[in-house]
Amino acid sequence: MNRAILRCGVACGMLALPQEASAGPPFFTDDPAPTARGKWEIFDYAGGTIEPGGTTVAFGLDLNYAPTDALQAGLVVPLVKAEGERLALGDVEVGMKVQLLRQDRGAVVDLSTVPRLTLPTGRGTRSMRVMLPLWAERDFGDWSLFGGGGWTLNTGAGRRNYWQGGFAIARRLGSGWQGGVEVFSQGATAAGERPLTVINAGTILHVSGPVSLLGSFGQGINRKASVFYTALKLDL
């Protein structure tokens, strides 16, 4: 199964969950498989959160490169616009996916850790965040089940450390077309903030050559929040 639908960057994490969660085009839930050795994944994305009291949108580049079969480096550079504010540079995220187990080598599941550092380089929380997660996946023909989560160290005055995680199921729907759904939850990231759980549906469509289109839309279960994500993806 083409794992592009399962890929976890961090592009929409700053959008669809209060500027704190990691994310993965087009899902928040990560999968453990790095991109192919020596290959690039480039996402030109746009996404956001619609919630009573304000809308936040962001545009940017999510870059991923795999120097080995078991290692993938990632970088996200966003431009963010909150309601009533001008478009400005958002917090830059850097990460590393390290694959620990592989199904094609006899393991029951694929398993990876994906430590991620968010740097307060622009408009955002003005504090550094470090996420330490584990993600697992099991494939059954055209179906894939994947999920996991981790703990985030969230520095800064008024900020709170928190847990986040999710579970997703994806399926091949036709030639070059895949879809899936997930449930993702994140704890409160600051004093006075409520946790957020969303149910999210996403799809990926291979257009031609290295070009694919991605999209997702989700709804908060315990809060009135809608989330969306779109991207043009290049595999180089």
Foldseek 3Di string as FASTA:
>chain_A
DPCQCQAWFQACVCFQPVHDARARFVGSFHAQFADAAAKKKKKFKKKHKDAPPWIKIKTWIWIWHHNDRFKIKIKIWMFMDIPPGDTKTAWIKIKMKGWDDDVVVPDQKTKIWIWMWTGGPMPHPNWIKIWTWMKIWHDDVQKIKIKTWTWMDTDDPQFDTWIKMKIKMKGDPDVQKIKIKMWIWIQGTGPPDGIWIKIKIKMKGADDDQWIKIKMWIATDVHGMIIIMIIIMGMD
